[in-house]
Amino acid sequence: MVLPELSPAQRAEALEKAAAVRKERSALMAGLKDRKVSLEDVLAREDTVATRTPVKRLLKSLPGIGAVRAGQLLEELDIPEGRRVAGLGPRQREQLVKLFPASS
């Protein structure tokens, strides 16, 4: 597959968009880590920042969950390693919310 040639202006615009998405995703992950946002809220979001985030990355953003535990959880819940939030089924979402309920 040949990538299209981009003009310098198009390339700059694409880089700005990518930086904005990374910044928003980073803020989302920080919110999870600080418990300002619940996992249920993130799973309910319909925007591309949330839906294109890998589930393992979300789990690693939760307090007390590292790379190894996130991998174990994915295996226990039968969620493929590279699955993104948009690809989760209703039962998988329900299981994740049960494991990590929103704290009051």
Protein backbone atom coordinates (compact mmCIF):
# COMPACT_ATOMS: atom_id res chain seq x y z
CA MET A 1 0.00 0.00 0.00
CA VAL A 2 1.45 3.31 -1.07
CA LEU A 3 0.91 6.23 1.26
CA PRO A 4 -0.26 9.47 -0.32
CA GLU A 5 2.18 12.34 -0.58
CA LEU A 6 1.21 15.14 1.79
CA SER A 7 1.99 18.77 1.33
CA PRO A 8 3.87 20.45 4.20
CA ALA A 9 0.61 22.14 5.29
CA GLN A 10 -1.31 18.83 5.28
CA ARG A 11 1.51 17.14 7.18
CA ALA A 12 1.55 19.91 9.80
CA GLU A 13 -2.23 19.67 10.21
CA ALA A 14 -2.05 15.89 10.62
CA LEU A 15 0.69 16.26 13.25
CA GLU A 16 -1.40 18.79 15.16
CA LYS A 17 -4.41 16.46 15.14
CA ALA A 18 -2.31 13.55 16.34
CA ALA A 19 -0.80 15.63 19.14
CA ALA A 20 -4.27 16.77 20.24
CA VAL A 21 -5.54 13.18 20.36
CA ARG A 22 -2.48 12.04 22.35
CA LYS A 23 -2.99 14.90 24.79
CA GLU A 24 -6.68 14.07 25.27
CA ARG A 25 -5.94 10.35 25.69
CA SER A 26 -3.24 11.19 28.22
CA ALA A 27 -5.72 13.32 30.19
CA LEU A 28 -8.22 10.45 30.11
CA MET A 29 -5.63 7.99 31.45
CA ALA A 30 -4.58 10.47 34.17
CA GLY A 31 -8.24 10.85 35.18
CA LEU A 32 -8.52 7.08 35.58
CA LYS A 33 -5.33 6.92 37.61
CA ASP A 34 -6.47 9.78 39.90
CA ARG A 35 -9.97 8.25 40.20
CA LYS A 36 -11.56 11.39 38.76
CA VAL A 37 -13.11 9.28 36.00
CA SER A 38 -14.52 5.78 36.43
CA LEU A 39 -13.87 2.91 34.07
CA GLU A 40 -17.63 2.73 33.49
CA ASP A 41 -17.62 6.35 32.28
CA VAL A 42 -14.77 5.66 29.86
CA LEU A 43 -16.45 2.54 28.49
CA ALA A 44 -19.67 4.50 27.96
CA ARG A 45 -17.96 7.23 25.91
CA GLU A 46 -18.58 7.21 22.17
CA ASP A 47 -15.78 9.52 21.02
CA THR A 48 -12.81 8.24 19.03
CA VAL A 49 -10.31 8.97 21.79
CA ALA A 50 -11.98 6.49 24.13
CA THR A 51 -13.13 3.93 21.57
CA ARG A 52 -9.72 3.64 19.92
CA THR A 53 -7.87 3.14 23.20
CA PRO A 54 -6.57 -0.38 23.78
CA VAL A 55 -8.28 -2.10 26.73
CA LYS A 56 -4.93 -3.15 28.19
CA ARG A 57 -3.81 0.48 28.28
CA LEU A 58 -7.02 1.43 30.11
CA LEU A 59 -6.47 -1.30 32.67
CA LYS A 60 -2.85 -0.28 33.21
CA SER A 61 -4.08 3.24 33.95
CA LEU A 62 -6.15 2.04 36.89
CA PRO A 63 -4.56 2.40 40.33
CA GLY A 64 -2.80 -0.78 41.43
CA ILE A 65 -2.92 -2.47 38.01
CA GLY A 66 0.35 -3.02 36.17
CA ALA A 67 1.22 -4.63 32.88
CA VAL A 68 1.24 -8.18 34.27
CA ARG A 69 -2.09 -7.89 36.11
CA ALA A 70 -3.69 -6.18 33.09
CA GLY A 71 -2.59 -9.11 30.92
CA GLN A 72 -3.99 -11.59 33.44
CA LEU A 73 -7.33 -9.76 33.53
CA LEU A 74 -7.55 -9.77 29.74
CA GLU A 75 -6.90 -13.50 29.73
CA GLU A 76 -9.45 -14.18 32.50
CA LEU A 77 -12.12 -12.16 30.70
CA ASP A 78 -11.25 -13.70 27.33
CA ILE A 79 -10.39 -10.34 25.78
CA PRO A 80 -7.71 -10.45 23.06
CA GLU A 81 -4.49 -8.57 23.88
CA GLY A 82 -4.86 -5.90 21.18
CA ARG A 83 -8.60 -5.31 21.61
CA ARG A 84 -9.72 -1.70 21.65
CA VAL A 85 -12.65 -0.34 23.66
CA ALA A 86 -14.84 -0.14 20.54
CA GLY A 87 -14.39 -3.89 20.01
CA LEU A 88 -15.65 -4.94 23.44
CA GLY A 89 -18.92 -6.79 23.65
CA PRO A 90 -21.66 -5.95 26.16
CA ARG A 91 -20.73 -8.86 28.45
CA GLN A 92 -17.07 -7.91 28.44
CA ARG A 93 -17.96 -4.32 29.34
CA GLU A 94 -20.25 -5.57 32.10
CA GLN A 95 -17.52 -7.81 33.53
CA LEU A 96 -15.01 -4.95 33.54
CA VAL A 97 -17.47 -2.63 35.30
CA LYS A 98 -18.16 -5.33 37.92
CA LEU A 99 -14.42 -5.74 38.55
CA PHE A 100 -13.82 -1.99 38.82
CA PRO A 101 -17.00 -0.35 40.12
CA ALA A 102 -17.21 3.43 40.31
CA SER A 103 -16.19 4.58 43.76
CA SER A 104 -18.49 7.07 45.43
